[in-house]
Amino acid sequence: MNKILEQALLYDFYGELLTTHQKEVYEQFILDDLSLSEIAESAGISRQGVHDLIRRCQRALEGYENKLHLVERFLSVKEKVGEIGEILDEWEREKKNPEEIVGRIRRISDTIIEEL
């Protein structure tokens, strides 16, 4: 997964744990794609200050993920739901045995429940 997408997901899950100031600066960098200089100018702090703040936010968000694994679980469940969609598409195309399809979907749903 690319670094920007990963940081955006971490922010989506854990952003509320940052301070208001941290959220504002981090959103401008990750979500609004502003440069360090642009953020520094609007926040009234140095470019280095913005850089340090963003690094601290990244470390904090990664620390939350290392402890809670919410993004990892979300991506795993998303992948499994995609698998279920593929199985149903395959069934619609090939008209396979419904019992086989139900069994495959049940196994995937069981793994989702175990992960949660």
PDB file of N, CA and C in Angstrom:
ATOM      1  N   MET A   1       0.859  -1.175   0.000  1.00  0.00           N
ATOM      2  CA  MET A   1       0.000   0.000   0.000  1.00  0.00           C
ATOM      3  C   MET A   1       0.900   1.232   0.000  1.00  0.00           C
ATOM      4  N   ASN A   2       0.524   2.254  -0.769  1.00  0.00           N
ATOM      5  CA  ASN A   2       1.397   3.424  -0.809  1.00  0.00           C
ATOM      6  C   ASN A   2       1.321   4.208   0.506  1.00  0.00           C
ATOM      7  N   LYS A   3       2.375   4.935   0.774  1.00  0.00           N
ATOM      8  CA  LYS A   3       2.551   5.598   2.070  1.00  0.00           C
ATOM      9  C   LYS A   3       1.451   6.627   2.355  1.00  0.00           C
ATOM     10  N   ILE A   4       1.043   7.374   1.352  1.00  0.00           N
ATOM     11  CA  ILE A   4       0.008   8.399   1.555  1.00  0.00           C
ATOM     12  C   ILE A   4      -1.322   7.744   1.913  1.00  0.00           C
ATOM     13  N   LEU A   5      -1.681   6.686   1.192  1.00  0.00           N
ATOM     14  CA  LEU A   5      -2.929   5.978   1.489  1.00  0.00           C
ATOM     15  C   LEU A   5      -2.877   5.385   2.898  1.00  0.00           C
ATOM     16  N   GLU A   6      -1.742   4.810   3.243  1.00  0.00           N
ATOM     17  CA  GLU A   6      -1.583   4.235   4.584  1.00  0.00           C
ATOM     18  C   GLU A   6      -1.757   5.309   5.658  1.00  0.00           C
ATOM     19  N   GLN A   7      -1.128   6.472   5.463  1.00  0.00           N
ATOM     20  CA  GLN A   7      -1.239   7.551   6.434  1.00  0.00           C
ATOM     21  C   GLN A   7      -2.668   8.084   6.517  1.00  0.00           C
ATOM     22  N   ALA A   8      -3.352   8.148   5.379  1.00  0.00           N
ATOM     23  CA  ALA A   8      -4.745   8.600   5.377  1.00  0.00           C
ATOM     24  C   ALA A   8      -5.632   7.623   6.140  1.00  0.00           C
ATOM     25  N   LEU A   9      -5.412   6.326   5.946  1.00  0.00           N
ATOM     26  CA  LEU A   9      -6.189   5.326   6.688  1.00  0.00           C
ATOM     27  C   LEU A   9      -5.907   5.410   8.188  1.00  0.00           C
ATOM     28  N   LEU A  10      -4.644   5.544   8.535  1.00  0.00           N
ATOM     29  CA  LEU A  10      -4.305   5.685   9.950  1.00  0.00           C
ATOM     30  C   LEU A  10      -4.994   6.907  10.538  1.00  0.00           C
ATOM     31  N   TYR A  11      -5.008   7.996   9.774  1.00  0.00           N
ATOM     32  CA  TYR A  11      -5.665   9.211  10.253  1.00  0.00           C
ATOM     33  C   TYR A  11      -7.171   8.996  10.390  1.00  0.00           C
ATOM     34  N   ASP A  12      -7.780   8.307   9.422  1.00  0.00           N
ATOM     35  CA  ASP A  12      -9.217   8.038   9.496  1.00  0.00           C
ATOM     36  C   ASP A  12      -9.577   7.274  10.772  1.00  0.00           C
ATOM     37  N   PHE A  13      -8.749   6.325  11.136  1.00  0.00           N
ATOM     38  CA  PHE A  13      -9.042   5.496  12.298  1.00  0.00           C
ATOM     39  C   PHE A  13      -8.638   6.141  13.622  1.00  0.00           C
ATOM     40  N   TYR A  14      -7.526   6.841  13.650  1.00  0.00           N
ATOM     41  CA  TYR A  14      -6.972   7.319  14.915  1.00  0.00           C
ATOM     42  C   TYR A  14      -6.831   8.831  15.014  1.00  0.00           C
ATOM     43  N   GLY A  15      -7.232   9.557  13.995  1.00  0.00           N
ATOM     44  CA  GLY A  15      -7.038  11.000  13.976  1.00  0.00           C
ATOM     45  C   GLY A  15      -7.650  11.738  15.147  1.00  0.00           C
ATOM     46  N   GLU A  16      -8.764  11.245  15.645  1.00  0.00           N
ATOM     47  CA  GLU A  16      -9.426  11.918  16.768  1.00  0.00           C
ATOM     48  C   GLU A  16      -8.605  11.853  18.054  1.00  0.00           C
ATOM     49  N   LEU A  17      -7.582  11.015  18.067  1.00  0.00           N
ATOM     50  CA  LEU A  17      -6.721  10.925  19.245  1.00  0.00           C
ATOM     51  C   LEU A  17      -5.626  11.985  19.241  1.00  0.00           C
ATOM     52  N   LEU A  18      -5.490  12.709  18.135  1.00  0.00           N
ATOM     53  CA  LEU A  18      -4.521  13.804  18.050  1.00  0.00           C
ATOM     54  C   LEU A  18      -5.142  15.077  18.613  1.00  0.00           C
ATOM     55  N   THR A  19      -4.295  16.031  18.973  1.00  0.00           N
ATOM     56  CA  THR A  19      -4.805  17.326  19.429  1.00  0.00           C
ATOM     57  C   THR A  19      -5.394  18.081  18.236  1.00  0.00           C
ATOM     58  N   THR A  20      -6.152  19.106  18.512  1.00  0.00           N
ATOM     59  CA  THR A  20      -6.761  19.913  17.451  1.00  0.00           C
ATOM     60  C   THR A  20      -5.684  20.487  16.529  1.00  0.00           C
ATOM     61  N   HIS A  21      -4.632  21.019  17.104  1.00  0.00           N
ATOM     62  CA  HIS A  21      -3.543  21.605  16.305  1.00  0.00           C
ATOM     63  C   HIS A  21      -2.875  20.527  15.441  1.00  0.00           C
ATOM     64  N   GLN A  22      -2.600  19.378  16.030  1.00  0.00           N
ATOM     65  CA  GLN A  22      -1.988  18.283  15.274  1.00  0.00           C
ATOM     66  C   GLN A  22      -2.895  17.867  14.110  1.00  0.00           C
ATOM     67  N   LYS A  23      -4.189  17.746  14.386  1.00  0.00           N
ATOM     68  CA  LYS A  23      -5.135  17.351  13.329  1.00  0.00           C
ATOM     69  C   LYS A  23      -5.136  18.357  12.190  1.00  0.00           C
ATOM     70  N   GLU A  24      -5.163  19.632  12.509  1.00  0.00           N
ATOM     71  CA  GLU A  24      -5.202  20.666  11.474  1.00  0.00           C
ATOM     72  C   GLU A  24      -3.977  20.589  10.570  1.00  0.00           C
ATOM     73  N   VAL A  25      -2.804  20.506  11.181  1.00  0.00           N
ATOM     74  CA  VAL A  25      -1.565  20.464  10.404  1.00  0.00           C
ATOM     75  C   VAL A  25      -1.478  19.166   9.605  1.00  0.00           C
ATOM     76  N   TYR A  26      -1.793  18.050  10.244  1.00  0.00           N
ATOM     77  CA  TYR A  26      -1.686  16.754   9.582  1.00  0.00           C
ATOM     78  C   TYR A  26      -2.667  16.646   8.414  1.00  0.00           C
ATOM     79  N   GLU A  27      -3.885  17.152   8.595  1.00  0.00           N
ATOM     80  CA  GLU A  27      -4.874  17.152   7.502  1.00  0.00           C
ATOM     81  C   GLU A  27      -4.374  17.966   6.318  1.00  0.00           C
ATOM     82  N   GLN A  28      -3.779  19.115   6.591  1.00  0.00           N
ATOM     83  CA  GLN A  28      -3.279  19.950   5.509  1.00  0.00           C
ATOM     84  C   GLN A  28      -2.186  19.228   4.726  1.00  0.00           C
ATOM     85  N   PHE A  29      -1.358  18.465   5.416  1.00  0.00           N
ATOM     86  CA  PHE A  29      -0.258  17.770   4.759  1.00  0.00           C
ATOM     87  C   PHE A  29      -0.742  16.509   4.028  1.00  0.00           C
ATOM     88  N   ILE A  30      -1.487  15.669   4.695  1.00  0.00           N
ATOM     89  CA  ILE A  30      -1.894  14.380   4.125  1.00  0.00           C
ATOM     90  C   ILE A  30      -3.119  14.504   3.220  1.00  0.00           C
ATOM     91  N   LEU A  31      -4.153  15.147   3.699  1.00  0.00           N
ATOM     92  CA  LEU A  31      -5.408  15.184   2.954  1.00  0.00           C
ATOM     93  C   LEU A  31      -5.465  16.316   1.924  1.00  0.00           C
ATOM     94  N   ASP A  32      -4.943  17.488   2.290  1.00  0.00           N
ATOM     95  CA  ASP A  32      -4.994  18.633   1.378  1.00  0.00           C
ATOM     96  C   ASP A  32      -3.756  18.732   0.495  1.00  0.00           C
ATOM     97  N   ASP A  33      -2.741  17.929   0.795  1.00  0.00           N
ATOM     98  CA  ASP A  33      -1.509  17.853   0.015  1.00  0.00           C
ATOM     99  C   ASP A  33      -0.786  19.207  -0.085  1.00  0.00           C
ATOM    100  N   LEU A  34      -0.790  19.959   1.021  1.00  0.00           N
ATOM    101  CA  LEU A  34      -0.059  21.232   1.049  1.00  0.00           C
ATOM    102  C   LEU A  34       1.400  20.955   1.375  1.00  0.00           C
ATOM    103  N   SER A  35       2.274  21.832   0.931  1.00  0.00           N
ATOM    104  CA  SER A  35       3.704  21.694   1.219  1.00  0.00           C
ATOM    105  C   SER A  35       3.981  22.130   2.657  1.00  0.00           C
ATOM    106  N   LEU A  36       5.151  21.746   3.144  1.00  0.00           N
ATOM    107  CA  LEU A  36       5.544  22.158   4.488  1.00  0.00           C
ATOM    108  C   LEU A  36       5.589  23.679   4.598  1.00  0.00           C
ATOM    109  N   SER A  37       6.069  24.333   3.547  1.00  0.00           N
ATOM    110  CA  SER A  37       6.155  25.798   3.553  1.00  0.00           C
ATOM    111  C   SER A  37       4.765  26.438   3.606  1.00  0.00           C
ATOM    112  N   GLU A  38       3.834  25.905   2.843  1.00  0.00           N
ATOM    113  CA  GLU A  38       2.468  26.447   2.839  1.00  0.00           C
ATOM    114  C   GLU A  38       1.826  26.295   4.215  1.00  0.00           C
ATOM    115  N   ILE A  39       2.014  25.142   4.822  1.00  0.00           N
ATOM    116  CA  ILE A  39       1.442  24.900   6.147  1.00  0.00           C
ATOM    117  C   ILE A  39       2.106  25.803   7.176  1.00  0.00           C
ATOM    118  N   ALA A  40       3.422  25.930   7.098  1.00  0.00           N
ATOM    119  CA  ALA A  40       4.160  26.778   8.037  1.00  0.00           C
ATOM    120  C   ALA A  40       3.664  28.212   7.964  1.00  0.00           C
ATOM    121  N   GLU A  41       3.461  28.687   6.759  1.00  0.00           N
ATOM    122  CA  GLU A  41       2.990  30.065   6.581  1.00  0.00           C
ATOM    123  C   GLU A  41       1.610  30.258   7.192  1.00  0.00           C
ATOM    124  N   SER A  42       0.685  29.333   6.933  1.00  0.00           N
ATOM    125  CA  SER A  42      -0.682  29.492   7.443  1.00  0.00           C
ATOM    126  C   SER A  42      -0.760  29.258   8.950  1.00  0.00           C
ATOM    127  N   ALA A  43       0.119  28.394   9.501  1.00  0.00           N
ATOM    128  CA  ALA A  43       0.085  28.096  10.931  1.00  0.00           C
ATOM    129  C   ALA A  43       0.955  29.049  11.748  1.00  0.00           C
ATOM    130  N   GLY A  44       1.786  29.820  11.072  1.00  0.00           N
ATOM    131  CA  GLY A  44       2.654  30.760  11.780  1.00  0.00           C
ATOM    132  C   GLY A  44       3.788  30.080  12.529  1.00  0.00           C
ATOM    133  N   ILE A  45       4.260  28.953  12.008  1.00  0.00           N
ATOM    134  CA  ILE A  45       5.398  28.260  12.604  1.00  0.00           C
ATOM    135  C   ILE A  45       6.424  27.983  11.516  1.00  0.00           C
ATOM    136  N   SER A  46       7.597  27.535  11.928  1.00  0.00           N
ATOM    137  CA  SER A  46       8.645  27.290  10.947  1.00  0.00           C
ATOM    138  C   SER A  46       8.366  26.023  10.142  1.00  0.00           C
ATOM    139  N   ARG A  47       9.017  25.955   9.006  1.00  0.00           N
ATOM    140  CA  ARG A  47       8.898  24.765   8.156  1.00  0.00           C
ATOM    141  C   ARG A  47       9.394  23.537   8.918  1.00  0.00           C
ATOM    142  N   GLN A  48      10.481  23.697   9.661  1.00  0.00           N
ATOM    143  CA  GLN A  48      11.020  22.597  10.472  1.00  0.00           C
ATOM    144  C   GLN A  48      10.030  22.191  11.555  1.00  0.00           C
ATOM    145  N   GLY A  49       9.353  23.172  12.122  1.00  0.00           N
ATOM    146  CA  GLY A  49       8.337  22.886  13.141  1.00  0.00           C
ATOM    147  C   GLY A  49       7.200  22.047  12.574  1.00  0.00           C
ATOM    148  N   VAL A  50       6.789  22.376  11.355  1.00  0.00           N
ATOM    149  CA  VAL A  50       5.739  21.596  10.684  1.00  0.00           C
ATOM    150  C   VAL A  50       6.234  20.179  10.432  1.00  0.00           C
ATOM    151  N   HIS A  51       7.461  20.076   9.926  1.00  0.00           N
ATOM    152  CA  HIS A  51       8.038  18.763   9.652  1.00  0.00           C
ATOM    153  C   HIS A  51       8.069  17.899  10.916  1.00  0.00           C
ATOM    154  N   ASP A  52       8.539  18.479  12.012  1.00  0.00           N
ATOM    155  CA  ASP A  52       8.620  17.744  13.276  1.00  0.00           C
ATOM    156  C   ASP A  52       7.237  17.333  13.775  1.00  0.00           C
ATOM    157  N   LEU A  53       6.284  18.228  13.647  1.00  0.00           N
ATOM    158  CA  LEU A  53       4.917  17.934  14.090  1.00  0.00           C
ATOM    159  C   LEU A  53       4.310  16.790  13.277  1.00  0.00           C
ATOM    160  N   ILE A  54       4.518  16.816  11.983  1.00  0.00           N
ATOM    161  CA  ILE A  54       3.989  15.759  11.121  1.00  0.00           C
ATOM    162  C   ILE A  54       4.634  14.419  11.465  1.00  0.00           C
ATOM    163  N   ARG A  55       5.930  14.412  11.695  1.00  0.00           N
ATOM    164  CA  ARG A  55       6.631  13.171  12.071  1.00  0.00           C
ATOM    165  C   ARG A  55       6.096  12.631  13.404  1.00  0.00           C
ATOM    166  N   ARG A  56       5.874  13.529  14.371  1.00  0.00           N
ATOM    167  CA  ARG A  56       5.322  13.092  15.661  1.00  0.00           C
ATOM    168  C   ARG A  56       3.931  12.500  15.478  1.00  0.00           C
ATOM    169  N   CYS A  57       3.117  13.139  14.637  1.00  0.00           N
ATOM    170  CA  CYS A  57       1.770  12.620  14.363  1.00  0.00           C
ATOM    171  C   CYS A  57       1.848  11.240  13.712  1.00  0.00           C
ATOM    172  N   GLN A  58       2.731  11.096  12.743  1.00  0.00           N
ATOM    173  CA  GLN A  58       2.881   9.804  12.069  1.00  0.00           C
ATOM    174  C   GLN A  58       3.297   8.720  13.048  1.00  0.00           C
ATOM    175  N   ARG A  59       4.251   9.038  13.899  1.00  0.00           N
ATOM    176  CA  ARG A  59       4.699   8.048  14.893  1.00  0.00           C
ATOM    177  C   ARG A  59       3.569   7.692  15.853  1.00  0.00           C
ATOM    178  N   ALA A  60       2.792   8.698  16.260  1.00  0.00           N
ATOM    179  CA  ALA A  60       1.682   8.444  17.182  1.00  0.00           C
ATOM    180  C   ALA A  60       0.631   7.552  16.525  1.00  0.00           C
ATOM    181  N   LEU A  61       0.253   7.873  15.278  1.00  0.00           N
ATOM    182  CA  LEU A  61      -0.754   7.082  14.571  1.00  0.00           C
ATOM    183  C   LEU A  61      -0.270   5.651  14.340  1.00  0.00           C
ATOM    184  N   GLU A  62       1.000   5.506  13.974  1.00  0.00           N
ATOM    185  CA  GLU A  62       1.567   4.167  13.774  1.00  0.00           C
ATOM    186  C   GLU A  62       1.626   3.408  15.095  1.00  0.00           C
ATOM    187  N   GLY A  63       1.887   4.103  16.176  1.00  0.00           N
ATOM    188  CA  GLY A  63       1.902   3.476  17.500  1.00  0.00           C
ATOM    189  C   GLY A  63       0.532   2.957  17.888  1.00  0.00           C
ATOM    190  N   TYR A  64      -0.507   3.756  17.602  1.00  0.00           N
ATOM    191  CA  TYR A  64      -1.872   3.294  17.879  1.00  0.00           C
ATOM    192  C   TYR A  64      -2.182   2.042  17.069  1.00  0.00           C
ATOM    193  N   GLU A  65      -1.787   2.038  15.808  1.00  0.00           N
ATOM    194  CA  GLU A  65      -2.047   0.873  14.945  1.00  0.00           C
ATOM    195  C   GLU A  65      -1.282  -0.350  15.444  1.00  0.00           C
ATOM    196  N   ASN A  66      -0.047  -0.163  15.888  1.00  0.00           N
ATOM    197  CA  ASN A  66       0.736  -1.285  16.405  1.00  0.00           C
ATOM    198  C   ASN A  66       0.084  -1.919  17.624  1.00  0.00           C
ATOM    199  N   LYS A  67      -0.641  -1.111  18.389  1.00  0.00           N
ATOM    200  CA  LYS A  67      -1.300  -1.633  19.584  1.00  0.00           C
ATOM    201  C   LYS A  67      -2.704  -2.156  19.301  1.00  0.00           C
ATOM    202  N   LEU A  68      -3.435  -1.494  18.427  1.00  0.00           N
ATOM    203  CA  LEU A  68      -4.853  -1.824  18.238  1.00  0.00           C
ATOM    204  C   LEU A  68      -5.168  -2.607  16.967  1.00  0.00           C
ATOM    205  N   HIS A  69      -4.364  -2.451  15.931  1.00  0.00           N
ATOM    206  CA  HIS A  69      -4.515  -3.187  14.665  1.00  0.00           C
ATOM    207  C   HIS A  69      -5.870  -2.980  13.976  1.00  0.00           C
ATOM    208  N   LEU A  70      -6.474  -1.819  14.131  1.00  0.00           N
ATOM    209  CA  LEU A  70      -7.780  -1.574  13.519  1.00  0.00           C
ATOM    210  C   LEU A  70      -7.698  -1.480  12.002  1.00  0.00           C
ATOM    211  N   VAL A  71      -6.679  -0.818  11.487  1.00  0.00           N
ATOM    212  CA  VAL A  71      -6.531  -0.691  10.036  1.00  0.00           C
ATOM    213  C   VAL A  71      -6.252  -2.060   9.428  1.00  0.00           C
ATOM    214  N   GLU A  72      -5.390  -2.822  10.064  1.00  0.00           N
ATOM    215  CA  GLU A  72      -5.068  -4.167   9.583  1.00  0.00           C
ATOM    216  C   GLU A  72      -6.331  -5.030   9.517  1.00  0.00           C
ATOM    217  N   ARG A  73      -7.141  -4.977  10.555  1.00  0.00           N
ATOM    218  CA  ARG A  73      -8.392  -5.755  10.568  1.00  0.00           C
ATOM    219  C   ARG A  73      -9.359  -5.261   9.491  1.00  0.00           C
ATOM    220  N   PHE A  74      -9.453  -3.944   9.365  1.00  0.00           N
ATOM    221  CA  PHE A  74     -10.338  -3.372   8.350  1.00  0.00           C
ATOM    222  C   PHE A  74      -9.946  -3.854   6.959  1.00  0.00           C
ATOM    223  N   LEU A  75      -8.654  -3.798   6.638  1.00  0.00           N
ATOM    224  CA  LEU A  75      -8.197  -4.206   5.307  1.00  0.00           C
ATOM    225  C   LEU A  75      -8.420  -5.700   5.082  1.00  0.00           C
ATOM    226  N   SER A  76      -8.252  -6.488   6.118  1.00  0.00           N
ATOM    227  CA  SER A  76      -8.480  -7.928   6.010  1.00  0.00           C
ATOM    228  C   SER A  76      -9.958  -8.226   5.744  1.00  0.00           C
ATOM    229  N   VAL A  77     -10.829  -7.570   6.482  1.00  0.00           N
ATOM    230  CA  VAL A  77     -12.268  -7.773   6.287  1.00  0.00           C
ATOM    231  C   VAL A  77     -12.685  -7.286   4.905  1.00  0.00           C
ATOM    232  N   LYS A  78     -12.147  -6.161   4.486  1.00  0.00           N
ATOM    233  CA  LYS A  78     -12.458  -5.627   3.154  1.00  0.00           C
ATOM    234  C   LYS A  78     -12.061  -6.621   2.069  1.00  0.00           C
ATOM    235  N   GLU A  79     -10.894  -7.240   2.225  1.00  0.00           N
ATOM    236  CA  GLU A  79     -10.428  -8.240   1.263  1.00  0.00           C
ATOM    237  C   GLU A  79     -11.366  -9.449   1.234  1.00  0.00           C
ATOM    238  N   LYS A  80     -11.788  -9.888   2.394  1.00  0.00           N
ATOM    239  CA  LYS A  80     -12.670 -11.060   2.468  1.00  0.00           C
ATOM    240  C   LYS A  80     -14.057 -10.768   1.893  1.00  0.00           C
ATOM    241  N   VAL A  81     -14.556  -9.582   2.107  1.00  0.00           N
ATOM    242  CA  VAL A  81     -15.835  -9.197   1.503  1.00  0.00           C
ATOM    243  C   VAL A  81     -15.699  -9.175  -0.013  1.00  0.00           C
ATOM    244  N   GLY A  82     -14.537  -8.729  -0.504  1.00  0.00           N
ATOM    245  CA  GLY A  82     -14.272  -8.781  -1.942  1.00  0.00           C
ATOM    246  C   GLY A  82     -14.277 -10.211  -2.459  1.00  0.00           C
ATOM    247  N   GLU A  83     -13.712 -11.133  -1.682  1.00  0.00           N
ATOM    248  CA  GLU A  83     -13.721 -12.545  -2.056  1.00  0.00           C
ATOM    249  C   GLU A  83     -15.155 -13.070  -2.149  1.00  0.00           C
ATOM    250  N   ILE A  84     -15.987 -12.678  -1.212  1.00  0.00           N
ATOM    251  CA  ILE A  84     -17.387 -13.100  -1.245  1.00  0.00           C
ATOM    252  C   ILE A  84     -18.047 -12.587  -2.519  1.00  0.00           C
ATOM    253  N   GLY A  85     -17.771 -11.334  -2.878  1.00  0.00           N
ATOM    254  CA  GLY A  85     -18.314 -10.776  -4.119  1.00  0.00           C
ATOM    255  C   GLY A  85     -17.856 -11.547  -5.340  1.00  0.00           C
ATOM    256  N   GLU A  86     -16.580 -11.937  -5.346  1.00  0.00           N
ATOM    257  CA  GLU A  86     -16.055 -12.725  -6.469  1.00  0.00           C
ATOM    258  C   GLU A  86     -16.727 -14.094  -6.549  1.00  0.00           C
ATOM    259  N   ILE A  87     -16.935 -14.729  -5.407  1.00  0.00           N
ATOM    260  CA  ILE A  87     -17.616 -16.036  -5.387  1.00  0.00           C
ATOM    261  C   ILE A  87     -19.027 -15.900  -5.942  1.00  0.00           C
ATOM    262  N   LEU A  88     -19.729 -14.857  -5.543  1.00  0.00           N
ATOM    263  CA  LEU A  88     -21.100 -14.655  -6.040  1.00  0.00           C
ATOM    264  C   LEU A  88     -21.106 -14.359  -7.537  1.00  0.00           C
ATOM    265  N   ASP A  89     -20.134 -13.577  -8.005  1.00  0.00           N
ATOM    266  CA  ASP A  89     -20.029 -13.315  -9.446  1.00  0.00           C
ATOM    267  C   ASP A  89     -19.776 -14.609 -10.208  1.00  0.00           C
ATOM    268  N   GLU A  90     -18.882 -15.430  -9.668  1.00  0.00           N
ATOM    269  CA  GLU A  90     -18.572 -16.721 -10.285  1.00  0.00           C
ATOM    270  C   GLU A  90     -19.830 -17.601 -10.337  1.00  0.00           C
ATOM    271  N   TRP A  91     -20.571 -17.593  -9.260  1.00  0.00           N
ATOM    272  CA  TRP A  91     -21.801 -18.390  -9.201  1.00  0.00           C
ATOM    273  C   TRP A  91     -22.810 -17.911 -10.251  1.00  0.00           C
ATOM    274  N   GLU A  92     -22.953 -16.605 -10.379  1.00  0.00           N
ATOM    275  CA  GLU A  92     -23.886 -16.061 -11.369  1.00  0.00           C
ATOM    276  C   GLU A  92     -23.478 -16.438 -12.785  1.00  0.00           C
ATOM    277  N   ARG A  93     -22.168 -16.419 -13.066  1.00  0.00           N
ATOM    278  CA  ARG A  93     -21.684 -16.765 -14.409  1.00  0.00           C
ATOM    279  C   ARG A  93     -21.807 -18.250 -14.699  1.00  0.00           C
ATOM    280  N   GLU A  94     -21.428 -19.086 -13.732  1.00  0.00           N
ATOM    281  CA  GLU A  94     -21.292 -20.516 -13.989  1.00  0.00           C
ATOM    282  C   GLU A  94     -22.420 -21.355 -13.405  1.00  0.00           C
ATOM    283  N   LYS A  95     -23.297 -20.743 -12.639  1.00  0.00           N
ATOM    284  CA  LYS A  95     -24.429 -21.439 -12.013  1.00  0.00           C
ATOM    285  C   LYS A  95     -23.971 -22.698 -11.279  1.00  0.00           C
ATOM    286  N   LYS A  96     -22.951 -22.515 -10.446  1.00  0.00           N
ATOM    287  CA  LYS A  96     -22.423 -23.632  -9.664  1.00  0.00           C
ATOM    288  C   LYS A  96     -23.431 -24.056  -8.605  1.00  0.00           C
ATOM    289  N   ASN A  97     -23.127 -25.175  -8.002  1.00  0.00           N
ATOM    290  CA  ASN A  97     -23.951 -25.745  -6.949  1.00  0.00           C
ATOM    291  C   ASN A  97     -24.109 -24.740  -5.795  1.00  0.00           C
ATOM    292  N   PRO A  98     -25.332 -24.374  -5.425  1.00  0.00           N
ATOM    293  CA  PRO A  98     -25.541 -23.391  -4.351  1.00  0.00           C
ATOM    294  C   PRO A  98     -24.949 -23.826  -3.009  1.00  0.00           C
ATOM    295  N   GLU A  99     -24.972 -25.125  -2.725  1.00  0.00           N
ATOM    296  CA  GLU A  99     -24.421 -25.597  -1.451  1.00  0.00           C
ATOM    297  C   GLU A  99     -22.918 -25.327  -1.373  1.00  0.00           C
ATOM    298  N   GLU A 100     -22.227 -25.500  -2.498  1.00  0.00           N
ATOM    299  CA  GLU A 100     -20.791 -25.227  -2.544  1.00  0.00           C
ATOM    300  C   GLU A 100     -20.523 -23.740  -2.292  1.00  0.00           C
ATOM    301  N   ILE A 101     -21.308 -22.904  -2.938  1.00  0.00           N
ATOM    302  CA  ILE A 101     -21.150 -21.453  -2.781  1.00  0.00           C
ATOM    303  C   ILE A 101     -21.422 -21.047  -1.341  1.00  0.00           C
ATOM    304  N   VAL A 102     -22.488 -21.559  -0.775  1.00  0.00           N
ATOM    305  CA  VAL A 102     -22.839 -21.233   0.608  1.00  0.00           C
ATOM    306  C   VAL A 102     -21.712 -21.670   1.546  1.00  0.00           C
ATOM    307  N   GLY A 103     -21.161 -22.843   1.322  1.00  0.00           N
ATOM    308  CA  GLY A 103     -20.060 -23.327   2.155  1.00  0.00           C
ATOM    309  C   GLY A 103     -18.840 -22.428   2.073  1.00  0.00           C
ATOM    310  N   ARG A 104     -18.486 -22.000   0.861  1.00  0.00           N
ATOM    311  CA  ARG A 104     -17.324 -21.114   0.690  1.00  0.00           C
ATOM    312  C   ARG A 104     -17.549 -19.772   1.379  1.00  0.00           C
ATOM    313  N   ILE A 105     -18.748 -19.249   1.214  1.00  0.00           N
ATOM    314  CA  ILE A 105     -19.066 -17.956   1.839  1.00  0.00           C
ATOM    315  C   ILE A 105     -19.096 -18.103   3.356  1.00  0.00           C
ATOM    316  N   ARG A 106     -19.635 -19.191   3.841  1.00  0.00           N
ATOM    317  CA  ARG A 106     -19.682 -19.420   5.288  1.00  0.00           C
ATOM    318  C   ARG A 106     -18.264 -19.498   5.880  1.00  0.00           C
ATOM    319  N   ARG A 107     -17.336 -20.150   5.182  1.00  0.00           N
ATOM    320  CA  ARG A 107     -15.952 -20.233   5.668  1.00  0.00           C
ATOM    321  C   ARG A 107     -15.320 -18.843   5.740  1.00  0.00           C
ATOM    322  N   ILE A 108     -15.562 -18.046   4.720  1.00  0.00           N
ATOM    323  CA  ILE A 108     -15.010 -16.679   4.728  1.00  0.00           C
ATOM    324  C   ILE A 108     -15.636 -15.862   5.849  1.00  0.00           C
ATOM    325  N   SER A 109     -16.954 -15.960   6.004  1.00  0.00           N
ATOM    326  CA  SER A 109     -17.625 -15.181   7.065  1.00  0.00           C
ATOM    327  C   SER A 109     -17.151 -15.632   8.450  1.00  0.00           C
ATOM    328  N   ASP A 110     -16.878 -16.918   8.612  1.00  0.00           N
ATOM    329  CA  ASP A 110     -16.351 -17.401   9.885  1.00  0.00           C
ATOM    330  C   ASP A 110     -14.990 -16.788  10.186  1.00  0.00           C
ATOM    331  N   THR A 111     -14.132 -16.650   9.168  1.00  0.00           N
ATOM    332  CA  THR A 111     -12.814 -16.051   9.404  1.00  0.00           C
ATOM    333  C   THR A 111     -12.952 -14.565   9.736  1.00  0.00           C
ATOM    334  N   ILE A 112     -13.939 -13.918   9.122  1.00  0.00           N
ATOM    335  CA  ILE A 112     -14.178 -12.502   9.451  1.00  0.00           C
ATOM    336  C   ILE A 112     -14.584 -12.376  10.919  1.00  0.00           C
ATOM    337  N   ILE A 113     -15.497 -13.206  11.357  1.00  0.00           N
ATOM    338  CA  ILE A 113     -15.960 -13.154  12.742  1.00  0.00           C
ATOM    339  C   ILE A 113     -14.799 -13.428  13.699  1.00  0.00           C
ATOM    340  N   GLU A 114     -13.944 -14.379  13.371  1.00  0.00           N
ATOM    341  CA  GLU A 114     -12.794 -14.687  14.216  1.00  0.00           C
ATOM    342  C   GLU A 114     -11.853 -13.485  14.337  1.00  0.00           C
ATOM    343  N   GLU A 115     -11.675 -12.756  13.253  1.00  0.00           N
ATOM    344  CA  GLU A 115     -10.778 -11.591  13.268  1.00  0.00           C
ATOM    345  C   GLU A 115     -11.333 -10.445  14.089  1.00  0.00           C
ATOM    346  N   LEU A 116     -12.649 -10.350  14.151  1.00  0.00           N
ATOM    347  CA  LEU A 116     -13.252  -9.263  14.895  1.00  0.00           C
ATOM    348  C   LEU A 116     -13.284  -9.630  16.367  1.00  0.00           C
TER     349      LEU A 116
END
